[in-house]
PDB file of N, CA and C in Angstrom:
ATOM      1  N   UNK A   1      -1.852  -2.414 -12.093  1.00  0.00           N
ATOM      2  CA  UNK A   1      -1.214  -2.395 -10.789  1.00  0.00           C
ATOM      3  C   UNK A   1      -1.214  -3.798 -10.211  1.00  0.00           C
ATOM      4  N   UNK A   2      -0.345  -4.065  -9.298  1.00  0.00           N
ATOM      5  CA  UNK A   2      -0.154  -5.397  -8.742  1.00  0.00           C
ATOM      6  C   UNK A   2      -1.284  -5.921  -7.891  1.00  0.00           C
ATOM      7  N   UNK A   3      -2.278  -5.099  -7.581  1.00  0.00           N
ATOM      8  CA  UNK A   3      -3.399  -5.560  -6.753  1.00  0.00           C
ATOM      9  C   UNK A   3      -4.673  -5.743  -7.561  1.00  0.00           C
ATOM     10  N   UNK A   4      -4.622  -5.504  -8.834  1.00  0.00           N
ATOM     11  CA  UNK A   4      -5.818  -5.544  -9.666  1.00  0.00           C
ATOM     12  C   UNK A   4      -6.201  -6.986  -9.994  1.00  0.00           C
ATOM     13  N   UNK A   5      -7.042  -7.577  -9.167  1.00  0.00           N
ATOM     14  CA  UNK A   5      -7.565  -8.909  -9.447  1.00  0.00           C
ATOM     15  C   UNK A   5      -8.955  -9.014  -8.832  1.00  0.00           C
ATOM     16  N   UNK A   6      -9.795  -9.788  -9.460  1.00  0.00           N
ATOM     17  CA  UNK A   6     -11.159  -9.956  -8.953  1.00  0.00           C
ATOM     18  C   UNK A   6     -11.244 -11.099  -7.941  1.00  0.00           C
ATOM     19  N   UNK A   7     -10.465 -12.138  -8.193  1.00  0.00           N
ATOM     20  CA  UNK A   7     -10.501 -13.328  -7.339  1.00  0.00           C
ATOM     21  C   UNK A   7      -9.066 -13.696  -6.973  1.00  0.00           C
ATOM     22  N   UNK A   8      -8.826 -13.889  -5.684  1.00  0.00           N
ATOM     23  CA  UNK A   8      -7.486 -14.277  -5.238  1.00  0.00           C
ATOM     24  C   UNK A   8      -7.152 -15.679  -5.733  1.00  0.00           C
ATOM     25  N   UNK A   9      -5.886 -15.911  -6.037  1.00  0.00           N
ATOM     26  CA  UNK A   9      -5.422 -17.216  -6.489  1.00  0.00           C
ATOM     27  C   UNK A   9      -5.477 -18.204  -5.323  1.00  0.00           C
ATOM     28  N   UNK A  10      -6.256 -19.257  -5.468  1.00  0.00           N
ATOM     29  CA  UNK A  10      -6.474 -20.221  -4.389  1.00  0.00           C
ATOM     30  C   UNK A  10      -5.176 -20.883  -3.933  1.00  0.00           C
ATOM     31  N   UNK A  11      -4.318 -21.248  -4.867  1.00  0.00           N
ATOM     32  CA  UNK A  11      -3.049 -21.893  -4.504  1.00  0.00           C
ATOM     33  C   UNK A  11      -2.177 -20.945  -3.682  1.00  0.00           C
ATOM     34  N   UNK A  12      -2.142 -19.686  -4.073  1.00  0.00           N
ATOM     35  CA  UNK A  12      -1.358 -18.700  -3.318  1.00  0.00           C
ATOM     36  C   UNK A  12      -1.934 -18.510  -1.921  1.00  0.00           C
ATOM     37  N   UNK A  13      -3.259 -18.440  -1.819  1.00  0.00           N
ATOM     38  CA  UNK A  13      -3.898 -18.276  -0.510  1.00  0.00           C
ATOM     39  C   UNK A  13      -3.590 -19.441   0.427  1.00  0.00           C
ATOM     40  N   UNK A  14      -3.567 -20.650  -0.113  1.00  0.00           N
ATOM     41  CA  UNK A  14      -3.277 -21.829   0.708  1.00  0.00           C
ATOM     42  C   UNK A  14      -1.856 -21.795   1.272  1.00  0.00           C
ATOM     43  N   UNK A  15      -0.943 -21.202   0.532  1.00  0.00           N
ATOM     44  CA  UNK A  15       0.440 -21.083   1.004  1.00  0.00           C
ATOM     45  C   UNK A  15       0.566 -19.957   2.028  1.00  0.00           C
ATOM     46  N   UNK A  16      -0.094 -18.852   1.777  1.00  0.00           N
ATOM     47  CA  UNK A  16       0.044 -17.656   2.611  1.00  0.00           C
ATOM     48  C   UNK A  16      -0.767 -17.737   3.901  1.00  0.00           C
ATOM     49  N   UNK A  17      -1.983 -18.232   3.838  1.00  0.00           N
ATOM     50  CA  UNK A  17      -2.932 -18.172   4.963  1.00  0.00           C
ATOM     51  C   UNK A  17      -2.393 -18.682   6.298  1.00  0.00           C
ATOM     52  N   UNK A  18      -1.669 -19.791   6.346  1.00  0.00           N
ATOM     53  CA  UNK A  18      -1.191 -20.269   7.651  1.00  0.00           C
ATOM     54  C   UNK A  18      -0.218 -19.312   8.347  1.00  0.00           C
ATOM     55  N   UNK A  19       0.343 -18.378   7.603  1.00  0.00           N
ATOM     56  CA  UNK A  19       1.354 -17.474   8.150  1.00  0.00           C
ATOM     57  C   UNK A  19       0.811 -16.072   8.435  1.00  0.00           C
ATOM     58  N   UNK A  20      -0.454 -15.845   8.154  1.00  0.00           N
ATOM     59  CA  UNK A  20      -1.055 -14.521   8.348  1.00  0.00           C
ATOM     60  C   UNK A  20      -1.717 -14.463   9.719  1.00  0.00           C
ATOM     61  N   UNK A  21      -1.325 -13.461  10.495  1.00  0.00           N
ATOM     62  CA  UNK A  21      -1.894 -13.293  11.832  1.00  0.00           C
ATOM     63  C   UNK A  21      -2.869 -12.130  11.897  1.00  0.00           C
ATOM     64  N   UNK A  22      -2.725 -11.197  10.982  1.00  0.00           N
ATOM     65  CA  UNK A  22      -3.566  -9.998  10.991  1.00  0.00           C
ATOM     66  C   UNK A  22      -3.669  -9.482   9.564  1.00  0.00           C
ATOM     67  N   UNK A  23      -4.851  -9.105   9.167  1.00  0.00           N
ATOM     68  CA  UNK A  23      -5.092  -8.617   7.818  1.00  0.00           C
ATOM     69  C   UNK A  23      -5.699  -7.229   7.899  1.00  0.00           C
ATOM     70  N   UNK A  24      -5.257  -6.323   7.047  1.00  0.00           N
ATOM     71  CA  UNK A  24      -5.790  -4.967   7.008  1.00  0.00           C
ATOM     72  C   UNK A  24      -6.272  -4.692   5.592  1.00  0.00           C
ATOM     73  N   UNK A  25      -7.516  -4.275   5.462  1.00  0.00           N
ATOM     74  CA  UNK A  25      -8.067  -3.912   4.161  1.00  0.00           C
ATOM     75  C   UNK A  25      -8.000  -2.400   4.016  1.00  0.00           C
ATOM     76  N   UNK A  26      -7.414  -1.930   2.916  1.00  0.00           N
ATOM     77  CA  UNK A  26      -7.306  -0.500   2.675  1.00  0.00           C
ATOM     78  C   UNK A  26      -8.136  -0.111   1.462  1.00  0.00           C
ATOM     79  N   UNK A  27      -8.610   1.122   1.468  1.00  0.00           N
ATOM     80  CA  UNK A  27      -9.406   1.627   0.357  1.00  0.00           C
ATOM     81  C   UNK A  27      -8.488   2.227  -0.706  1.00  0.00           C
ATOM     82  N   UNK A  28      -9.050   2.458  -1.878  1.00  0.00           N
ATOM     83  CA  UNK A  28      -8.290   3.135  -2.933  1.00  0.00           C
ATOM     84  C   UNK A  28      -7.850   4.520  -2.466  1.00  0.00           C
ATOM     85  N   UNK A  29      -8.716   5.213  -1.731  1.00  0.00           N
ATOM     86  CA  UNK A  29      -8.380   6.553  -1.230  1.00  0.00           C
ATOM     87  C   UNK A  29      -7.211   6.493  -0.250  1.00  0.00           C
ATOM     88  N   UNK A  30      -7.173   5.467   0.595  1.00  0.00           N
ATOM     89  CA  UNK A  30      -6.064   5.317   1.548  1.00  0.00           C
ATOM     90  C   UNK A  30      -4.756   4.998   0.824  1.00  0.00           C
ATOM     91  N   UNK A  31      -4.833   4.196  -0.217  1.00  0.00           N
ATOM     92  CA  UNK A  31      -3.640   3.887  -1.007  1.00  0.00           C
ATOM     93  C   UNK A  31      -3.141   5.154  -1.696  1.00  0.00           C
ATOM     94  N   UNK A  32      -4.057   5.938  -2.256  1.00  0.00           N
ATOM     95  CA  UNK A  32      -3.670   7.192  -2.909  1.00  0.00           C
ATOM     96  C   UNK A  32      -3.016   8.142  -1.908  1.00  0.00           C
ATOM     97  N   UNK A  33      -3.577   8.236  -0.707  1.00  0.00           N
ATOM     98  CA  UNK A  33      -2.986   9.088   0.328  1.00  0.00           C
ATOM     99  C   UNK A  33      -1.586   8.601   0.694  1.00  0.00           C
ATOM    100  N   UNK A  34      -1.403   7.303   0.768  1.00  0.00           N
ATOM    101  CA  UNK A  34      -0.079   6.747   1.063  1.00  0.00           C
ATOM    102  C   UNK A  34       0.904   7.077  -0.059  1.00  0.00           C
ATOM    103  N   UNK A  35       0.464   6.982  -1.301  1.00  0.00           N
ATOM    104  CA  UNK A  35       1.321   7.337  -2.436  1.00  0.00           C
ATOM    105  C   UNK A  35       1.755   8.793  -2.340  1.00  0.00           C
ATOM    106  N   UNK A  36       0.804   9.677  -1.994  1.00  0.00           N
ATOM    107  CA  UNK A  36       1.129  11.101  -1.849  1.00  0.00           C
ATOM    108  C   UNK A  36       2.112  11.319  -0.698  1.00  0.00           C
ATOM    109  N   UNK A  37       1.872  10.681   0.428  1.00  0.00           N
ATOM    110  CA  UNK A  37       2.750  10.851   1.590  1.00  0.00           C
ATOM    111  C   UNK A  37       4.163  10.366   1.278  1.00  0.00           C
ATOM    112  N   UNK A  38       4.268   9.228   0.625  1.00  0.00           N
ATOM    113  CA  UNK A  38       5.586   8.698   0.262  1.00  0.00           C
ATOM    114  C   UNK A  38       6.320   9.691  -0.627  1.00  0.00           C
ATOM    115  N   UNK A  39       5.613  10.238  -1.607  1.00  0.00           N
ATOM    116  CA  UNK A  39       6.245  11.185  -2.525  1.00  0.00           C
ATOM    117  C   UNK A  39       6.637  12.473  -1.808  1.00  0.00           C
ATOM    118  N   UNK A  40       5.711  13.039  -1.054  1.00  0.00           N
ATOM    119  CA  UNK A  40       5.973  14.322  -0.396  1.00  0.00           C
ATOM    120  C   UNK A  40       7.007  14.204   0.725  1.00  0.00           C
ATOM    121  N   UNK A  41       6.988  13.103   1.461  1.00  0.00           N
ATOM    122  CA  UNK A  41       7.878  12.963   2.619  1.00  0.00           C
ATOM    123  C   UNK A  41       9.253  12.400   2.278  1.00  0.00           C
ATOM    124  N   UNK A  42       9.325  11.556   1.240  1.00  0.00           N
ATOM    125  CA  UNK A  42      10.602  10.893   0.933  1.00  0.00           C
ATOM    126  C   UNK A  42      11.098  11.161  -0.486  1.00  0.00           C
ATOM    127  N   UNK A  43      10.275  11.786  -1.310  1.00  0.00           N
ATOM    128  CA  UNK A  43      10.605  12.063  -2.713  1.00  0.00           C
ATOM    129  C   UNK A  43      10.808  10.779  -3.515  1.00  0.00           C
ATOM    130  N   UNK A  44      10.119   9.711  -3.094  1.00  0.00           N
ATOM    131  CA  UNK A  44      10.114   8.451  -3.832  1.00  0.00           C
ATOM    132  C   UNK A  44       8.751   8.265  -4.480  1.00  0.00           C
ATOM    133  N   UNK A  45       8.735   7.543  -5.583  1.00  0.00           N
ATOM    134  CA  UNK A  45       7.496   7.254  -6.299  1.00  0.00           C
ATOM    135  C   UNK A  45       7.137   5.795  -6.064  1.00  0.00           C
ATOM    136  N   UNK A  46       5.884   5.555  -5.711  1.00  0.00           N
ATOM    137  CA  UNK A  46       5.417   4.189  -5.505  1.00  0.00           C
ATOM    138  C   UNK A  46       4.075   4.002  -6.193  1.00  0.00           C
ATOM    139  N   UNK A  47       3.912   2.875  -6.844  1.00  0.00           N
ATOM    140  CA  UNK A  47       2.600   2.535  -7.392  1.00  0.00           C
ATOM    141  C   UNK A  47       1.701   2.096  -6.243  1.00  0.00           C
ATOM    142  N   UNK A  48       0.431   1.913  -6.539  1.00  0.00           N
ATOM    143  CA  UNK A  48      -0.534   1.550  -5.508  1.00  0.00           C
ATOM    144  C   UNK A  48      -0.172   0.293  -4.743  1.00  0.00           C
ATOM    145  N   UNK A  49       0.224  -0.756  -5.450  1.00  0.00           N
ATOM    146  CA  UNK A  49       0.582  -2.006  -4.772  1.00  0.00           C
ATOM    147  C   UNK A  49       1.774  -1.809  -3.854  1.00  0.00           C
ATOM    148  N   UNK A  50       2.698  -0.965  -4.256  1.00  0.00           N
ATOM    149  CA  UNK A  50       3.865  -0.701  -3.433  1.00  0.00           C
ATOM    150  C   UNK A  50       3.552   0.133  -2.210  1.00  0.00           C
ATOM    151  N   UNK A  51       2.502   0.945  -2.283  1.00  0.00           N
ATOM    152  CA  UNK A  51       2.123   1.829  -1.177  1.00  0.00           C
ATOM    153  C   UNK A  51       1.077   1.209  -0.259  1.00  0.00           C
ATOM    154  N   UNK A  52       0.538   0.058  -0.615  1.00  0.00           N
ATOM    155  CA  UNK A  52      -0.557  -0.542   0.157  1.00  0.00           C
ATOM    156  C   UNK A  52      -0.154  -0.868   1.592  1.00  0.00           C
ATOM    157  N   UNK A  53       1.047  -1.388   1.798  1.00  0.00           N
ATOM    158  CA  UNK A  53       1.481  -1.715   3.160  1.00  0.00           C
ATOM    159  C   UNK A  53       1.610  -0.453   4.001  1.00  0.00           C
ATOM    160  N   UNK A  54       2.099   0.629   3.399  1.00  0.00           N
ATOM    161  CA  UNK A  54       2.197   1.899   4.122  1.00  0.00           C
ATOM    162  C   UNK A  54       0.804   2.430   4.438  1.00  0.00           C
ATOM    163  N   UNK A  55      -0.138   2.266   3.501  1.00  0.00           N
ATOM    164  CA  UNK A  55      -1.527   2.676   3.751  1.00  0.00           C
ATOM    165  C   UNK A  55      -2.100   1.912   4.941  1.00  0.00           C
ATOM    166  N   UNK A  56      -1.798   0.627   5.027  1.00  0.00           N
ATOM    167  CA  UNK A  56      -2.274  -0.179   6.158  1.00  0.00           C
ATOM    168  C   UNK A  56      -1.655   0.300   7.467  1.00  0.00           C
ATOM    169  N   UNK A  57      -0.365   0.631   7.437  1.00  0.00           N
ATOM    170  CA  UNK A  57       0.295   1.131   8.648  1.00  0.00           C
ATOM    171  C   UNK A  57      -0.295   2.469   9.077  1.00  0.00           C
ATOM    172  N   UNK A  58      -0.603   3.329   8.107  1.00  0.00           N
ATOM    173  CA  UNK A  58      -1.239   4.607   8.443  1.00  0.00           C
ATOM    174  C   UNK A  58      -2.608   4.373   9.072  1.00  0.00           C
ATOM    175  N   UNK A  59      -3.350   3.423   8.523  1.00  0.00           N
ATOM    176  CA  UNK A  59      -4.668   3.107   9.063  1.00  0.00           C
ATOM    177  C   UNK A  59      -4.569   2.593  10.499  1.00  0.00           C
ATOM    178  N   UNK A  60      -3.526   1.845  10.784  1.00  0.00           N
ATOM    179  CA  UNK A  60      -3.361   1.210  12.095  1.00  0.00           C
ATOM    180  C   UNK A  60      -2.358   1.951  12.985  1.00  0.00           C
ATOM    181  N   UNK A  61      -2.088   3.209  12.668  1.00  0.00           N
ATOM    182  CA  UNK A  61      -1.023   3.928  13.381  1.00  0.00           C
ATOM    183  C   UNK A  61      -1.230   3.992  14.886  1.00  0.00           C
ATOM    184  N   UNK A  62      -2.464   4.084  15.362  1.00  0.00           N
ATOM    185  CA  UNK A  62      -2.699   4.129  16.811  1.00  0.00           C
ATOM    186  C   UNK A  62      -2.256   2.818  17.462  1.00  0.00           C
ATOM    187  N   UNK A  63      -2.579   1.703  16.835  1.00  0.00           N
ATOM    188  CA  UNK A  63      -2.196   0.397  17.380  1.00  0.00           C
ATOM    189  C   UNK A  63      -0.691   0.161  17.280  1.00  0.00           C
ATOM    190  N   UNK A  64      -0.052   0.804  16.317  1.00  0.00           N
ATOM    191  CA  UNK A  64       1.382   0.611  16.103  1.00  0.00           C
ATOM    192  C   UNK A  64       2.240   1.603  16.887  1.00  0.00           C
ATOM    193  N   UNK A  65       1.608   2.579  17.509  1.00  0.00           N
ATOM    194  CA  UNK A  65       2.348   3.619  18.223  1.00  0.00           C
ATOM    195  C   UNK A  65       3.290   3.001  19.256  1.00  0.00           C
ATOM    196  N   UNK A  66       4.531   3.472  19.258  1.00  0.00           N
ATOM    197  CA  UNK A  66       5.530   2.985  20.197  1.00  0.00           C
ATOM    198  C   UNK A  66       6.260   1.736  19.748  1.00  0.00           C
ATOM    199  N   UNK A  67       5.861   1.168  18.612  1.00  0.00           N
ATOM    200  CA  UNK A  67       6.504  -0.035  18.097  1.00  0.00           C
ATOM    201  C   UNK A  67       7.442   0.330  16.956  1.00  0.00           C
ATOM    202  N   UNK A  68       8.417  -0.513  16.719  1.00  0.00           N
ATOM    203  CA  UNK A  68       9.255  -0.375  15.540  1.00  0.00           C
ATOM    204  C   UNK A  68       8.561  -1.101  14.402  1.00  0.00           C
ATOM    205  N   UNK A  69       8.339  -0.402  13.306  1.00  0.00           N
ATOM    206  CA  UNK A  69       7.611  -0.969  12.175  1.00  0.00           C
ATOM    207  C   UNK A  69       8.482  -0.847  10.929  1.00  0.00           C
ATOM    208  N   UNK A  70       8.659  -1.940  10.232  1.00  0.00           N
ATOM    209  CA  UNK A  70       9.396  -1.926   8.974  1.00  0.00           C
ATOM    210  C   UNK A  70       8.449  -2.189   7.816  1.00  0.00           C
ATOM    211  N   UNK A  71       8.562  -1.386   6.778  1.00  0.00           N
ATOM    212  CA  UNK A  71       7.702  -1.535   5.602  1.00  0.00           C
ATOM    213  C   UNK A  71       8.591  -1.509   4.368  1.00  0.00           C
ATOM    214  N   UNK A  72       8.410  -2.472   3.498  1.00  0.00           N
ATOM    215  CA  UNK A  72       9.146  -2.493   2.244  1.00  0.00           C
ATOM    216  C   UNK A  72       8.436  -1.608   1.235  1.00  0.00           C
ATOM    217  N   UNK A  73       9.148  -0.634   0.712  1.00  0.00           N
ATOM    218  CA  UNK A  73       8.601   0.235  -0.326  1.00  0.00           C
ATOM    219  C   UNK A  73       9.049  -0.312  -1.670  1.00  0.00           C
ATOM    220  N   UNK A  74       8.088  -0.621  -2.518  1.00  0.00           N
ATOM    221  CA  UNK A  74       8.420  -1.180  -3.824  1.00  0.00           C
ATOM    222  C   UNK A  74       7.440  -0.658  -4.860  1.00  0.00           C
ATOM    223  N   UNK A  75       7.692  -0.994  -6.097  1.00  0.00           N
ATOM    224  CA  UNK A  75       6.731  -0.712  -7.150  1.00  0.00           C
ATOM    225  C   UNK A  75       6.710   0.714  -7.640  1.00  0.00           C
ATOM    226  N   UNK A  76       7.799   1.177  -8.221  1.00  0.00           N
ATOM    227  CA  UNK A  76       7.835   2.517  -8.792  1.00  0.00           C
ATOM    228  C   UNK A  76       7.295   2.569 -10.206  1.00  0.00           C
ATOM    229  N   UNK A  77       6.677   1.493 -10.668  1.00  0.00           N
ATOM    230  CA  UNK A  77       6.182   1.404 -12.037  1.00  0.00           C
ATOM    231  C   UNK A  77       4.743   1.904 -12.108  1.00  0.00           C
ATOM    232  N   UNK A  78       4.563   3.202 -11.938  1.00  0.00           N
ATOM    233  CA  UNK A  78       3.225   3.775 -11.982  1.00  0.00           C
ATOM    234  C   UNK A  78       3.122   4.671 -13.211  1.00  0.00           C
ATOM    235  N   UNK A  79       1.989   4.616 -13.876  1.00  0.00           N
ATOM    236  CA  UNK A  79       1.737   5.459 -15.037  1.00  0.00           C
ATOM    237  C   UNK A  79       1.830   6.926 -14.616  1.00  0.00           C
ATOM    238  N   UNK A  80       2.573   7.726 -15.375  1.00  0.00           N
ATOM    239  CA  UNK A  80       2.803   9.119 -14.982  1.00  0.00           C
ATOM    240  C   UNK A  80       1.517   9.935 -14.933  1.00  0.00           C
ATOM    241  N   UNK A  81       0.580   9.688 -15.839  1.00  0.00           N
ATOM    242  CA  UNK A  81      -0.689  10.422 -15.820  1.00  0.00           C
ATOM    243  C   UNK A  81      -1.509  10.055 -14.584  1.00  0.00           C
ATOM    244  N   UNK A  82      -1.521   8.774 -14.238  1.00  0.00           N
ATOM    245  CA  UNK A  82      -2.224   8.333 -13.036  1.00  0.00           C
ATOM    246  C   UNK A  82      -1.581   8.934 -11.793  1.00  0.00           C
ATOM    247  N   UNK A  83      -0.255   8.914 -11.736  1.00  0.00           N
ATOM    248  CA  UNK A  83       0.444   9.464 -10.575  1.00  0.00           C
ATOM    249  C   UNK A  83       0.167  10.960 -10.436  1.00  0.00           C
ATOM    250  N   UNK A  84       0.126  11.669 -11.545  1.00  0.00           N
ATOM    251  CA  UNK A  84      -0.191  13.105 -11.510  1.00  0.00           C
ATOM    252  C   UNK A  84      -1.592  13.333 -10.951  1.00  0.00           C
ATOM    253  N   UNK A  85      -2.552  12.489 -11.337  1.00  0.00           N
ATOM    254  CA  UNK A  85      -3.920  12.620 -10.800  1.00  0.00           C
ATOM    255  C   UNK A  85      -3.944  12.349  -9.301  1.00  0.00           C
ATOM    256  N   UNK A  86      -3.209  11.341  -8.864  1.00  0.00           N
ATOM    257  CA  UNK A  86      -3.146  11.025  -7.432  1.00  0.00           C
ATOM    258  C   UNK A  86      -2.562  12.206  -6.662  1.00  0.00           C
ATOM    259  N   UNK A  87      -1.471  12.782  -7.175  1.00  0.00           N
ATOM    260  CA  UNK A  87      -0.862  13.925  -6.498  1.00  0.00           C
ATOM    261  C   UNK A  87      -1.793  15.132  -6.481  1.00  0.00           C
ATOM    262  N   UNK A  88      -2.564  15.319  -7.529  1.00  0.00           N
ATOM    263  CA  UNK A  88      -3.466  16.470  -7.624  1.00  0.00           C
ATOM    264  C   UNK A  88      -4.636  16.371  -6.650  1.00  0.00           C
ATOM    265  N   UNK A  89      -4.932  15.182  -6.160  1.00  0.00           N
ATOM    266  CA  UNK A  89      -6.044  14.992  -5.227  1.00  0.00           C
ATOM    267  C   UNK A  89      -5.762  15.600  -3.866  1.00  0.00           C
ATOM    268  N   UNK A  90      -4.529  15.914  -3.583  1.00  0.00           N
ATOM    269  CA  UNK A  90      -4.142  16.396  -2.240  1.00  0.00           C
ATOM    270  C   UNK A  90      -4.837  17.620  -1.836  1.00  0.00           C
TER     271      UNK A  90
END
């Protein structure tokens, strides 16, 4: 998956950091819940990296209430066996 790394790339962080105003850390369980919600609510398939932004929005939904929020859904390249396990957790 696109988030599987132990150490962030320092060069990438140096480019990104000046533009980040707020950071949200999500758990694997929150990402899985976001994957399930995306599938059940929109009938789209998203891998964990693609669902992470939606997981963050779900986590911060109280703070985002009343605002217009745009989230890019990407990453439909998820292993079918893994996706089946995620869906079965519901």
